[in-house]
Amino acid sequence: MEKQYSATGSRKTATAMVRLGLGQGVITINHRGADEYLRRPDLMDVIQAPFKVTGLAGQYDTSCTVHGGGTSAQAGAIALGISRALVAVNPDLRKTLKSAELLKRDPREKERMKYGLAKRRKRFQWTKR
């Protein structure tokens, strides 16, 4: 049994547990194929970005367990988890992934509702008379 590397990634409310092992580059998300799970080519590009930047595309099989958030947030969480796992495989890749900003967690979250407002920042219409 070959060595497996694991890492976690998160984005908004999505959390992904990622495991890497040597293989042919198959990506599995929640026991389904990545293209079947995500169904959007731009999200597939987000997931494969760490492999493309480091030049390791097609060398590692990836198994992900993801929950919470929407598909876009889940794709971002998986990409961060893959990047962290690749650094665990080879610490020399850290500089490459960091310069591509793939090791940074996106801090943007949904803003809370404020009382007295229609939405997060939208106010009710003001009438003079």
C-alpha atoms as a PDB file:
ATOM      1  CA  MET A   1       0.000   0.000   0.000  1.00  0.00           C
ATOM      2  CA  GLU A   2       1.460   3.327  -1.051  1.00  0.00           C
ATOM      3  CA  LYS A   3       1.718   6.345   1.206  1.00  0.00           C
ATOM      4  CA  GLN A   4      -1.322   8.608   1.296  1.00  0.00           C
ATOM      5  CA  TYR A   5      -1.201  12.282   2.187  1.00  0.00           C
ATOM      6  CA  SER A   6      -4.179  14.089   3.665  1.00  0.00           C
ATOM      7  CA  ALA A   7      -5.151  17.698   4.297  1.00  0.00           C
ATOM      8  CA  THR A   8      -8.244  19.799   4.887  1.00  0.00           C
ATOM      9  CA  GLY A   9      -9.438  22.911   3.101  1.00  0.00           C
ATOM     10  CA  SER A  10     -12.322  25.301   3.699  1.00  0.00           C
ATOM     11  CA  ARG A  11     -14.132  28.095   1.898  1.00  0.00           C
ATOM     12  CA  LYS A  12     -17.209  29.930   3.250  1.00  0.00           C
ATOM     13  CA  THR A  13     -19.085  27.137   5.064  1.00  0.00           C
ATOM     14  CA  ALA A  14     -17.699  24.268   2.949  1.00  0.00           C
ATOM     15  CA  THR A  15     -15.097  21.894   4.371  1.00  0.00           C
ATOM     16  CA  ALA A  16     -13.144  19.323   2.368  1.00  0.00           C
ATOM     17  CA  MET A  17     -11.013  16.422   3.575  1.00  0.00           C
ATOM     18  CA  VAL A  18      -8.575  15.518   0.785  1.00  0.00           C
ATOM     19  CA  ARG A  19      -6.419  12.397   0.416  1.00  0.00           C
ATOM     20  CA  LEU A  20      -3.672  12.083  -2.224  1.00  0.00           C
ATOM     21  CA  GLY A  21      -2.027   8.895  -3.418  1.00  0.00           C
ATOM     22  CA  LEU A  22       0.071   7.968  -6.428  1.00  0.00           C
ATOM     23  CA  GLY A  23      -2.052   7.074  -9.450  1.00  0.00           C
ATOM     24  CA  GLN A  24      -3.353   8.198 -12.822  1.00  0.00           C
ATOM     25  CA  GLY A  25      -4.944  11.524 -11.809  1.00  0.00           C
ATOM     26  CA  VAL A  26      -8.463  10.347 -10.960  1.00  0.00           C
ATOM     27  CA  ILE A  27     -10.390  12.822  -8.785  1.00  0.00           C
ATOM     28  CA  THR A  28     -13.253  11.428  -6.679  1.00  0.00           C
ATOM     29  CA  ILE A  29     -15.595  13.663  -4.682  1.00  0.00           C
ATOM     30  CA  ASN A  30     -17.989  12.030  -2.190  1.00  0.00           C
ATOM     31  CA  HIS A  31     -17.568   8.643  -3.948  1.00  0.00           C
ATOM     32  CA  ARG A  32     -18.502  10.136  -7.353  1.00  0.00           C
ATOM     33  CA  GLY A  33     -16.418  11.368 -10.259  1.00  0.00           C
ATOM     34  CA  ALA A  34     -15.441  15.038 -10.103  1.00  0.00           C
ATOM     35  CA  ASP A  35     -17.063  15.916 -13.442  1.00  0.00           C
ATOM     36  CA  GLU A  36     -20.259  14.130 -12.382  1.00  0.00           C
ATOM     37  CA  TYR A  37     -20.292  15.864  -8.970  1.00  0.00           C
ATOM     38  CA  LEU A  38     -19.472  19.425 -10.055  1.00  0.00           C
ATOM     39  CA  ARG A  39     -20.934  19.459 -13.610  1.00  0.00           C
ATOM     40  CA  ARG A  40     -19.223  22.773 -14.467  1.00  0.00           C
ATOM     41  CA  PRO A  41     -15.958  23.050 -16.408  1.00  0.00           C
ATOM     42  CA  ASP A  42     -14.860  26.237 -14.610  1.00  0.00           C
ATOM     43  CA  LEU A  43     -15.070  24.464 -11.238  1.00  0.00           C
ATOM     44  CA  MET A  44     -13.047  21.576 -12.661  1.00  0.00           C
ATOM     45  CA  ASP A  45     -10.359  24.123 -13.580  1.00  0.00           C
ATOM     46  CA  VAL A  46     -10.411  25.433  -9.988  1.00  0.00           C
ATOM     47  CA  ILE A  47      -9.843  21.921  -8.614  1.00  0.00           C
ATOM     48  CA  GLN A  48      -7.080  21.055 -11.098  1.00  0.00           C
ATOM     49  CA  ALA A  49      -5.225  24.374 -10.684  1.00  0.00           C
ATOM     50  CA  PRO A  50      -2.807  23.114  -7.967  1.00  0.00           C
ATOM     51  CA  PHE A  51      -1.762  20.193 -10.191  1.00  0.00           C
ATOM     52  CA  LYS A  52      -1.333  22.403 -13.270  1.00  0.00           C
ATOM     53  CA  VAL A  53       0.736  25.028 -11.437  1.00  0.00           C
ATOM     54  CA  THR A  54       3.105  22.433  -9.993  1.00  0.00           C
ATOM     55  CA  GLY A  55       3.237  20.317 -13.163  1.00  0.00           C
ATOM     56  CA  LEU A  56       1.950  17.205 -11.384  1.00  0.00           C
ATOM     57  CA  ALA A  57      -1.237  16.733 -13.435  1.00  0.00           C
ATOM     58  CA  GLY A  58      -2.095  13.051 -13.833  1.00  0.00           C
ATOM     59  CA  GLN A  59       0.324  11.766 -11.190  1.00  0.00           C
ATOM     60  CA  TYR A  60      -1.878  11.631  -8.064  1.00  0.00           C
ATOM     61  CA  ASP A  61      -5.280  10.101  -7.424  1.00  0.00           C
ATOM     62  CA  THR A  62      -7.402  12.383  -5.259  1.00  0.00           C
ATOM     63  CA  SER A  63     -10.229  11.348  -2.966  1.00  0.00           C
ATOM     64  CA  CYS A  64     -12.278  14.132  -1.360  1.00  0.00           C
ATOM     65  CA  THR A  65     -15.036  14.180   1.224  1.00  0.00           C
ATOM     66  CA  VAL A  66     -16.773  17.535   1.198  1.00  0.00           C
ATOM     67  CA  HIS A  67     -19.787  18.950   3.021  1.00  0.00           C
ATOM     68  CA  GLY A  68     -21.451  22.316   3.549  1.00  0.00           C
ATOM     69  CA  GLY A  69     -21.710  25.306   1.252  1.00  0.00           C
ATOM     70  CA  GLY A  70     -22.498  25.306  -2.446  1.00  0.00           C
ATOM     71  CA  THR A  71     -20.612  23.769  -5.333  1.00  0.00           C
ATOM     72  CA  SER A  72     -18.409  26.819  -5.909  1.00  0.00           C
ATOM     73  CA  ALA A  73     -17.363  27.002  -2.250  1.00  0.00           C
ATOM     74  CA  GLN A  74     -16.785  23.249  -2.232  1.00  0.00           C
ATOM     75  CA  ALA A  75     -14.509  23.528  -5.274  1.00  0.00           C
ATOM     76  CA  GLY A  76     -12.475  26.238  -3.526  1.00  0.00           C
ATOM     77  CA  ALA A  77     -12.217  24.106  -0.386  1.00  0.00           C
ATOM     78  CA  ILE A  78     -11.029  21.104  -2.412  1.00  0.00           C
ATOM     79  CA  ALA A  79      -8.414  23.221  -4.217  1.00  0.00           C
ATOM     80  CA  LEU A  80      -7.022  24.461  -0.890  1.00  0.00           C
ATOM     81  CA  GLY A  81      -6.967  20.914   0.489  1.00  0.00           C
ATOM     82  CA  ILE A  82      -5.137  19.617  -2.599  1.00  0.00           C
ATOM     83  CA  SER A  83      -2.583  22.434  -2.326  1.00  0.00           C
ATOM     84  CA  ARG A  84      -1.916  21.661   1.342  1.00  0.00           C
ATOM     85  CA  ALA A  85      -1.599  17.936   0.605  1.00  0.00           C
ATOM     86  CA  LEU A  86       0.895  18.641  -2.207  1.00  0.00           C
ATOM     87  CA  VAL A  87       3.007  20.652   0.247  1.00  0.00           C
ATOM     88  CA  ALA A  88       2.907  17.626   2.568  1.00  0.00           C
ATOM     89  CA  VAL A  89       4.135  15.457  -0.323  1.00  0.00           C
ATOM     90  CA  ASN A  90       6.949  17.832  -1.318  1.00  0.00           C
ATOM     91  CA  PRO A  91       7.730  20.941   0.795  1.00  0.00           C
ATOM     92  CA  ASP A  92       9.633  22.450  -2.170  1.00  0.00           C
ATOM     93  CA  LEU A  93       6.268  23.056  -3.906  1.00  0.00           C
ATOM     94  CA  ARG A  94       5.246  25.565  -1.210  1.00  0.00           C
ATOM     95  CA  LYS A  95       6.882  28.535  -2.958  1.00  0.00           C
ATOM     96  CA  THR A  96       5.204  27.737  -6.289  1.00  0.00           C
ATOM     97  CA  LEU A  97       1.756  27.262  -4.746  1.00  0.00           C
ATOM     98  CA  LYS A  98       2.111  30.336  -2.542  1.00  0.00           C
ATOM     99  CA  SER A  99       3.053  32.579  -5.489  1.00  0.00           C
ATOM    100  CA  ALA A 100      -0.054  31.299  -7.319  1.00  0.00           C
ATOM    101  CA  GLU A 101      -2.110  32.158  -4.165  1.00  0.00           C
ATOM    102  CA  LEU A 102      -3.370  28.584  -3.846  1.00  0.00           C
ATOM    103  CA  LEU A 103      -2.357  28.221  -0.185  1.00  0.00           C
ATOM    104  CA  LYS A 104      -4.456  31.180   0.944  1.00  0.00           C
ATOM    105  CA  ARG A 105      -7.911  30.609   2.423  1.00  0.00           C
ATOM    106  CA  ASP A 106     -10.423  33.026   0.919  1.00  0.00           C
ATOM    107  CA  PRO A 107     -11.633  35.037   3.958  1.00  0.00           C
ATOM    108  CA  ARG A 108     -14.847  36.371   2.397  1.00  0.00           C
ATOM    109  CA  GLU A 109     -17.987  35.320   4.240  1.00  0.00           C
ATOM    110  CA  LYS A 110     -21.643  36.239   3.983  1.00  0.00           C
ATOM    111  CA  GLU A 111     -22.359  39.482   5.823  1.00  0.00           C
ATOM    112  CA  ARG A 112     -24.863  39.329   8.659  1.00  0.00           C
ATOM    113  CA  MET A 113     -28.353  40.851   8.500  1.00  0.00           C
ATOM    114  CA  LYS A 114     -28.663  44.119  10.395  1.00  0.00           C
ATOM    115  CA  TYR A 115     -31.886  45.138  12.097  1.00  0.00           C
ATOM    116  CA  GLY A 116     -33.699  48.138  10.632  1.00  0.00           C
ATOM    117  CA  LEU A 117     -32.414  47.387   7.096  1.00  0.00           C
ATOM    118  CA  ALA A 118     -34.058  45.645   4.163  1.00  0.00           C
ATOM    119  CA  LYS A 119     -31.012  43.491   3.342  1.00  0.00           C
ATOM    120  CA  ARG A 120     -27.398  43.455   4.509  1.00  0.00           C
ATOM    121  CA  ARG A 121     -26.776  47.087   3.512  1.00  0.00           C
ATOM    122  CA  LYS A 122     -29.901  48.124   1.605  1.00  0.00           C
ATOM    123  CA  ARG A 123     -32.093  50.560   3.481  1.00  0.00           C
ATOM    124  CA  PHE A 124     -35.829  51.046   3.296  1.00  0.00           C
ATOM    125  CA  GLN A 125     -36.970  53.914   1.061  1.00  0.00           C
ATOM    126  CA  TRP A 126     -37.132  57.213   2.899  1.00  0.00           C
ATOM    127  CA  THR A 127     -40.193  59.399   2.294  1.00  0.00           C
ATOM    128  CA  LYS A 128     -40.390  62.992   3.320  1.00  0.00           C
ATOM    129  CA  ARG A 129     -44.214  63.196   3.449  1.00  0.00           C
END
